[in-house]
Amino acid sequence: MEKVRVGILVGSARKNAFSQLIADTIMKQLPDEFEVKQVKIDNLIMFNQDYDDNNETPKEYADFREEVKNCDAYLFVTPEYNRSMPPLLKNALDIASRPAGQSVWGGKPGAIISVSPGVMGGFGSNNHIRQVLMFLDIRTMQQPERYIGNISECVDEHGKLLLATEKFIHTFTDSYVKWVKNFY
């Protein structure tokens, strides 16, 4: 069997983002039969349908769509912004779903893990993303859900995840691996 290509999309471009720390941890935890790559989304200009309608599709859109298309599975690691998903991630989801009828997302497995400095762990973001993924026909893992609240308390003084948090993430990663293997 060929390696399963997993694209990880991180919803924050902030330097030292907690979402990136979680994504890095998951990338280390995934088994060797998974070829994992972070799909960058912070270089994408705001989606505008006129680009595609006028045959002026930005190279960044075309490259991003091709990269997403070449993934076998997805993992979304995200913070919460104002009880919803960050605009960076929403923009990426929209770009790869267009032009109309040419979405490159559909039929592939995915999962979401959200983080927040607040106690709810990005619940709002996670659920809003889940709604969009359902529409895009990404087969989103239902359980276990992962919301990491009080994220600043989950790292030590050097910015490394505490062992308990790594273990909590690892149970999610193990479930994600089993979920994806159902499709390949």
C-alpha atoms as a PDB file:
ATOM      1  CA  MET A   1       0.000   0.000   0.000  1.00  0.00           C
ATOM      2  CA  GLU A   2       1.229   3.477  -0.820  1.00  0.00           C
ATOM      3  CA  LYS A   3       1.510   6.016   1.938  1.00  0.00           C
ATOM      4  CA  VAL A   4      -1.631   7.947   2.791  1.00  0.00           C
ATOM      5  CA  ARG A   5      -1.010  11.635   2.097  1.00  0.00           C
ATOM      6  CA  VAL A   6      -2.365  13.747   4.950  1.00  0.00           C
ATOM      7  CA  GLY A   7      -2.647  17.502   4.597  1.00  0.00           C
ATOM      8  CA  ILE A   8      -2.689  19.430   7.853  1.00  0.00           C
ATOM      9  CA  LEU A   9      -4.200  22.908   7.766  1.00  0.00           C
ATOM     10  CA  VAL A  10      -3.468  25.199  10.707  1.00  0.00           C
ATOM     11  CA  GLY A  11      -5.938  28.004  11.289  1.00  0.00           C
ATOM     12  CA  SER A  12      -3.444  30.437  12.809  1.00  0.00           C
ATOM     13  CA  ALA A  13      -0.500  32.228  11.258  1.00  0.00           C
ATOM     14  CA  ARG A  14       0.586  33.733  14.585  1.00  0.00           C
ATOM     15  CA  LYS A  15       4.208  33.215  15.566  1.00  0.00           C
ATOM     16  CA  ASN A  16       4.369  30.505  18.246  1.00  0.00           C
ATOM     17  CA  ALA A  17       0.676  29.688  17.764  1.00  0.00           C
ATOM     18  CA  PHE A  18      -0.713  26.986  20.030  1.00  0.00           C
ATOM     19  CA  SER A  19      -2.452  25.498  16.986  1.00  0.00           C
ATOM     20  CA  GLN A  20       0.917  25.046  15.319  1.00  0.00           C
ATOM     21  CA  LEU A  21       2.299  23.374  18.444  1.00  0.00           C
ATOM     22  CA  ILE A  22      -0.595  20.903  18.374  1.00  0.00           C
ATOM     23  CA  ALA A  23      -0.147  20.290  14.625  1.00  0.00           C
ATOM     24  CA  ASP A  24       3.580  19.661  15.096  1.00  0.00           C
ATOM     25  CA  THR A  25       2.796  17.182  17.858  1.00  0.00           C
ATOM     26  CA  ILE A  26       0.296  15.301  15.709  1.00  0.00           C
ATOM     27  CA  MET A  27       2.737  15.205  12.774  1.00  0.00           C
ATOM     28  CA  LYS A  28       5.257  13.458  15.046  1.00  0.00           C
ATOM     29  CA  GLN A  29       2.626  11.022  16.317  1.00  0.00           C
ATOM     30  CA  LEU A  30       1.344   9.853  12.939  1.00  0.00           C
ATOM     31  CA  PRO A  31       2.739   6.475  11.833  1.00  0.00           C
ATOM     32  CA  ASP A  32       5.221   5.995   9.011  1.00  0.00           C
ATOM     33  CA  GLU A  33       2.545   4.831   6.561  1.00  0.00           C
ATOM     34  CA  PHE A  34       1.213   8.385   6.625  1.00  0.00           C
ATOM     35  CA  GLU A  35       3.009  10.994   4.561  1.00  0.00           C
ATOM     36  CA  VAL A  36       2.102  14.184   6.355  1.00  0.00           C
ATOM     37  CA  LYS A  37       2.523  17.709   5.113  1.00  0.00           C
ATOM     38  CA  GLN A  38       1.328  21.020   6.396  1.00  0.00           C
ATOM     39  CA  VAL A  39      -0.643  22.795   3.717  1.00  0.00           C
ATOM     40  CA  LYS A  40       0.142  26.478   4.079  1.00  0.00           C
ATOM     41  CA  ILE A  41      -2.818  28.833   3.955  1.00  0.00           C
ATOM     42  CA  ASP A  42      -1.358  32.121   5.168  1.00  0.00           C
ATOM     43  CA  ASN A  43      -0.252  33.138   1.671  1.00  0.00           C
ATOM     44  CA  LEU A  44      -3.745  33.038   0.176  1.00  0.00           C
ATOM     45  CA  ILE A  45      -5.335  36.359  -0.688  1.00  0.00           C
ATOM     46  CA  MET A  46      -8.995  36.759   0.232  1.00  0.00           C
ATOM     47  CA  PHE A  47     -11.283  34.679  -1.947  1.00  0.00           C
ATOM     48  CA  ASN A  48     -13.013  36.551  -4.757  1.00  0.00           C
ATOM     49  CA  GLN A  49     -15.139  34.701  -7.312  1.00  0.00           C
ATOM     50  CA  ASP A  50     -14.224  37.304  -9.946  1.00  0.00           C
ATOM     51  CA  TYR A  51     -10.735  35.827 -10.233  1.00  0.00           C
ATOM     52  CA  ASP A  52     -12.071  32.514 -11.505  1.00  0.00           C
ATOM     53  CA  ASP A  53     -14.919  34.046 -13.497  1.00  0.00           C
ATOM     54  CA  ASN A  54     -12.509  36.308 -15.390  1.00  0.00           C
ATOM     55  CA  ASN A  55      -9.800  33.666 -15.919  1.00  0.00           C
ATOM     56  CA  GLU A  56      -7.502  35.599 -13.583  1.00  0.00           C
ATOM     57  CA  THR A  57      -7.056  32.863 -10.999  1.00  0.00           C
ATOM     58  CA  PRO A  58      -4.099  33.757  -8.759  1.00  0.00           C
ATOM     59  CA  LYS A  59      -1.213  31.283  -8.894  1.00  0.00           C
ATOM     60  CA  GLU A  60      -1.554  30.838  -5.128  1.00  0.00           C
ATOM     61  CA  TYR A  61      -5.146  29.626  -5.612  1.00  0.00           C
ATOM     62  CA  ALA A  62      -4.183  27.191  -8.359  1.00  0.00           C
ATOM     63  CA  ASP A  63      -1.209  25.828  -6.405  1.00  0.00           C
ATOM     64  CA  PHE A  64      -3.270  25.488  -3.227  1.00  0.00           C
ATOM     65  CA  ARG A  65      -6.112  23.695  -5.029  1.00  0.00           C
ATOM     66  CA  GLU A  66      -3.651  21.259  -6.569  1.00  0.00           C
ATOM     67  CA  GLU A  67      -2.007  20.591  -3.202  1.00  0.00           C
ATOM     68  CA  VAL A  68      -5.374  19.948  -1.543  1.00  0.00           C
ATOM     69  CA  LYS A  69      -6.458  17.730  -4.443  1.00  0.00           C
ATOM     70  CA  ASN A  70      -3.330  15.596  -3.990  1.00  0.00           C
ATOM     71  CA  CYS A  71      -4.101  14.870  -0.341  1.00  0.00           C
ATOM     72  CA  ASP A  72      -5.850  11.645   0.643  1.00  0.00           C
ATOM     73  CA  ALA A  73      -7.022  12.962   4.012  1.00  0.00           C
ATOM     74  CA  TYR A  74      -7.134  16.195   5.991  1.00  0.00           C
ATOM     75  CA  LEU A  75      -6.605  17.364   9.527  1.00  0.00           C
ATOM     76  CA  PHE A  76      -7.678  20.815  10.657  1.00  0.00           C
ATOM     77  CA  VAL A  77      -5.988  22.290  13.733  1.00  0.00           C
ATOM     78  CA  THR A  78      -7.452  25.603  14.704  1.00  0.00           C
ATOM     79  CA  PRO A  79      -7.950  28.282  17.294  1.00  0.00           C
ATOM     80  CA  GLU A  80     -11.276  29.966  17.881  1.00  0.00           C
ATOM     81  CA  TYR A  81     -11.913  33.563  16.861  1.00  0.00           C
ATOM     82  CA  ASN A  82     -15.031  35.189  18.300  1.00  0.00           C
ATOM     83  CA  ARG A  83     -16.775  31.829  18.773  1.00  0.00           C
ATOM     84  CA  SER A  84     -16.116  30.820  15.172  1.00  0.00           C
ATOM     85  CA  MET A  85     -13.377  29.669  12.836  1.00  0.00           C
ATOM     86  CA  PRO A  86     -10.536  31.999  11.934  1.00  0.00           C
ATOM     87  CA  PRO A  87     -10.909  33.823   8.608  1.00  0.00           C
ATOM     88  CA  LEU A  88      -7.632  32.305   7.406  1.00  0.00           C
ATOM     89  CA  LEU A  89      -9.134  28.823   7.506  1.00  0.00           C
ATOM     90  CA  LYS A  90     -12.531  29.833   6.109  1.00  0.00           C
ATOM     91  CA  ASN A  91     -10.781  31.516   3.200  1.00  0.00           C
ATOM     92  CA  ALA A  92      -8.811  28.336   2.447  1.00  0.00           C
ATOM     93  CA  LEU A  93     -11.930  26.170   2.583  1.00  0.00           C
ATOM     94  CA  ASP A  94     -13.705  28.513   0.172  1.00  0.00           C
ATOM     95  CA  ILE A  95     -10.814  28.744  -2.288  1.00  0.00           C
ATOM     96  CA  ALA A  96     -10.463  24.970  -2.700  1.00  0.00           C
ATOM     97  CA  SER A  97     -14.224  24.558  -3.073  1.00  0.00           C
ATOM     98  CA  ARG A  98     -14.296  26.703  -6.220  1.00  0.00           C
ATOM     99  CA  PRO A  99     -14.964  27.237  -9.064  1.00  0.00           C
ATOM    100  CA  ALA A 100     -18.501  25.985  -8.471  1.00  0.00           C
ATOM    101  CA  GLY A 101     -18.754  22.278  -9.162  1.00  0.00           C
ATOM    102  CA  GLN A 102     -14.966  21.816  -9.029  1.00  0.00           C
ATOM    103  CA  SER A 103     -14.323  21.434  -5.299  1.00  0.00           C
ATOM    104  CA  VAL A 104     -11.203  19.389  -4.585  1.00  0.00           C
ATOM    105  CA  TRP A 105     -12.233  18.506  -1.010  1.00  0.00           C
ATOM    106  CA  GLY A 106     -14.968  15.928  -1.446  1.00  0.00           C
ATOM    107  CA  GLY A 107     -15.122  12.285  -0.466  1.00  0.00           C
ATOM    108  CA  LYS A 108     -11.983  12.257   1.668  1.00  0.00           C
ATOM    109  CA  PRO A 109     -11.660  11.719   5.428  1.00  0.00           C
ATOM    110  CA  GLY A 110     -10.872  14.547   7.793  1.00  0.00           C
ATOM    111  CA  ALA A 111     -10.857  15.544  11.435  1.00  0.00           C
ATOM    112  CA  ILE A 112     -10.762  18.700  13.545  1.00  0.00           C
ATOM    113  CA  ILE A 113      -8.943  19.582  16.734  1.00  0.00           C
ATOM    114  CA  SER A 114      -9.423  23.015  18.256  1.00  0.00           C
ATOM    115  CA  VAL A 115      -7.622  24.988  20.945  1.00  0.00           C
ATOM    116  CA  SER A 116      -8.428  28.050  22.979  1.00  0.00           C
ATOM    117  CA  PRO A 117      -7.097  29.978  25.935  1.00  0.00           C
ATOM    118  CA  GLY A 118     -10.671  29.792  27.239  1.00  0.00           C
ATOM    119  CA  VAL A 119     -12.278  26.880  28.995  1.00  0.00           C
ATOM    120  CA  MET A 120     -14.443  25.765  26.042  1.00  0.00           C
ATOM    121  CA  GLY A 121     -11.462  24.759  23.916  1.00  0.00           C
ATOM    122  CA  GLY A 122     -12.608  26.219  20.637  1.00  0.00           C
ATOM    123  CA  PHE A 123     -15.997  24.479  20.659  1.00  0.00           C
ATOM    124  CA  GLY A 124     -17.565  27.197  18.487  1.00  0.00           C
ATOM    125  CA  SER A 125     -14.770  27.062  15.927  1.00  0.00           C
ATOM    126  CA  ASN A 126     -14.812  23.284  15.824  1.00  0.00           C
ATOM    127  CA  ASN A 127     -18.547  23.140  15.194  1.00  0.00           C
ATOM    128  CA  HIS A 128     -18.551  25.865  12.548  1.00  0.00           C
ATOM    129  CA  ILE A 129     -15.756  24.102  10.681  1.00  0.00           C
ATOM    130  CA  ARG A 130     -17.650  20.819  10.999  1.00  0.00           C
ATOM    131  CA  GLN A 131     -20.682  22.430   9.297  1.00  0.00           C
ATOM    132  CA  VAL A 132     -18.583  23.617   6.377  1.00  0.00           C
ATOM    133  CA  LEU A 133     -16.765  20.273   6.035  1.00  0.00           C
ATOM    134  CA  MET A 134     -20.092  18.465   5.914  1.00  0.00           C
ATOM    135  CA  PHE A 135     -21.186  20.666   3.012  1.00  0.00           C
ATOM    136  CA  LEU A 136     -17.835  20.109   1.266  1.00  0.00           C
ATOM    137  CA  ASP A 137     -18.320  16.320   1.597  1.00  0.00           C
ATOM    138  CA  ILE A 138     -15.269  15.807   3.794  1.00  0.00           C
ATOM    139  CA  ARG A 139     -16.001  12.647   5.799  1.00  0.00           C
ATOM    140  CA  THR A 140     -15.355  14.189   9.191  1.00  0.00           C
ATOM    141  CA  MET A 141     -14.460  11.933  12.112  1.00  0.00           C
ATOM    142  CA  GLN A 142     -17.203  12.220  14.714  1.00  0.00           C
ATOM    143  CA  GLN A 143     -15.469  10.759  17.766  1.00  0.00           C
ATOM    144  CA  PRO A 144     -13.439  11.472  19.687  1.00  0.00           C
ATOM    145  CA  GLU A 145     -14.019  15.186  19.497  1.00  0.00           C
ATOM    146  CA  ARG A 146     -11.038  17.225  20.664  1.00  0.00           C
ATOM    147  CA  TYR A 147     -11.286  20.651  22.213  1.00  0.00           C
ATOM    148  CA  ILE A 148      -8.241  21.760  24.166  1.00  0.00           C
ATOM    149  CA  GLY A 149      -9.253  24.501  26.558  1.00  0.00           C
ATOM    150  CA  ASN A 150      -6.985  26.574  28.763  1.00  0.00           C
ATOM    151  CA  ILE A 151      -4.193  25.825  26.303  1.00  0.00           C
ATOM    152  CA  SER A 152      -1.725  28.108  28.056  1.00  0.00           C
ATOM    153  CA  GLU A 153      -1.936  25.768  31.054  1.00  0.00           C
ATOM    154  CA  CYS A 154      -1.077  22.786  28.829  1.00  0.00           C
ATOM    155  CA  VAL A 155       2.492  23.912  28.171  1.00  0.00           C
ATOM    156  CA  ASP A 156       5.510  24.220  30.415  1.00  0.00           C
ATOM    157  CA  GLU A 157       7.678  27.296  30.941  1.00  0.00           C
ATOM    158  CA  HIS A 158       9.628  26.440  27.762  1.00  0.00           C
ATOM    159  CA  GLY A 159       6.524  26.282  25.577  1.00  0.00           C
ATOM    160  CA  LYS A 160       6.503  22.477  25.318  1.00  0.00           C
ATOM    161  CA  LEU A 161       3.307  20.508  25.757  1.00  0.00           C
ATOM    162  CA  LEU A 162       2.837  18.785  29.073  1.00  0.00           C
ATOM    163  CA  LEU A 163       2.941  14.992  28.954  1.00  0.00           C
ATOM    164  CA  ALA A 164      -0.748  14.729  29.893  1.00  0.00           C
ATOM    165  CA  THR A 165      -1.670  16.964  26.952  1.00  0.00           C
ATOM    166  CA  GLU A 166       0.510  14.941  24.571  1.00  0.00           C
ATOM    167  CA  LYS A 167      -1.270  11.779  25.722  1.00  0.00           C
ATOM    168  CA  PHE A 168      -4.653  13.454  25.269  1.00  0.00           C
ATOM    169  CA  ILE A 169      -3.669  14.367  21.719  1.00  0.00           C
ATOM    170  CA  HIS A 170      -2.265  10.896  21.090  1.00  0.00           C
ATOM    171  CA  THR A 171      -5.645   9.256  21.731  1.00  0.00           C
ATOM    172  CA  PHE A 172      -7.079  11.588  19.103  1.00  0.00           C
ATOM    173  CA  THR A 173      -4.234  10.785  16.671  1.00  0.00           C
ATOM    174  CA  ASP A 174      -4.748   7.033  17.143  1.00  0.00           C
ATOM    175  CA  SER A 175      -8.455   7.400  16.405  1.00  0.00           C
ATOM    176  CA  TYR A 176      -7.695   9.556  13.377  1.00  0.00           C
ATOM    177  CA  VAL A 177      -5.353   6.883  11.982  1.00  0.00           C
ATOM    178  CA  LYS A 178      -8.058   4.229  12.372  1.00  0.00           C
ATOM    179  CA  TRP A 179     -10.625   6.569  10.789  1.00  0.00           C
ATOM    180  CA  VAL A 180      -8.474   7.271   7.741  1.00  0.00           C
ATOM    181  CA  LYS A 181      -7.606   3.588   7.298  1.00  0.00           C
ATOM    182  CA  ASN A 182     -11.328   2.901   6.829  1.00  0.00           C
ATOM    183  CA  PHE A 183     -11.007   4.713   3.511  1.00  0.00           C
ATOM    184  CA  TYR A 184      -7.700   3.226   2.244  1.00  0.00           C
END
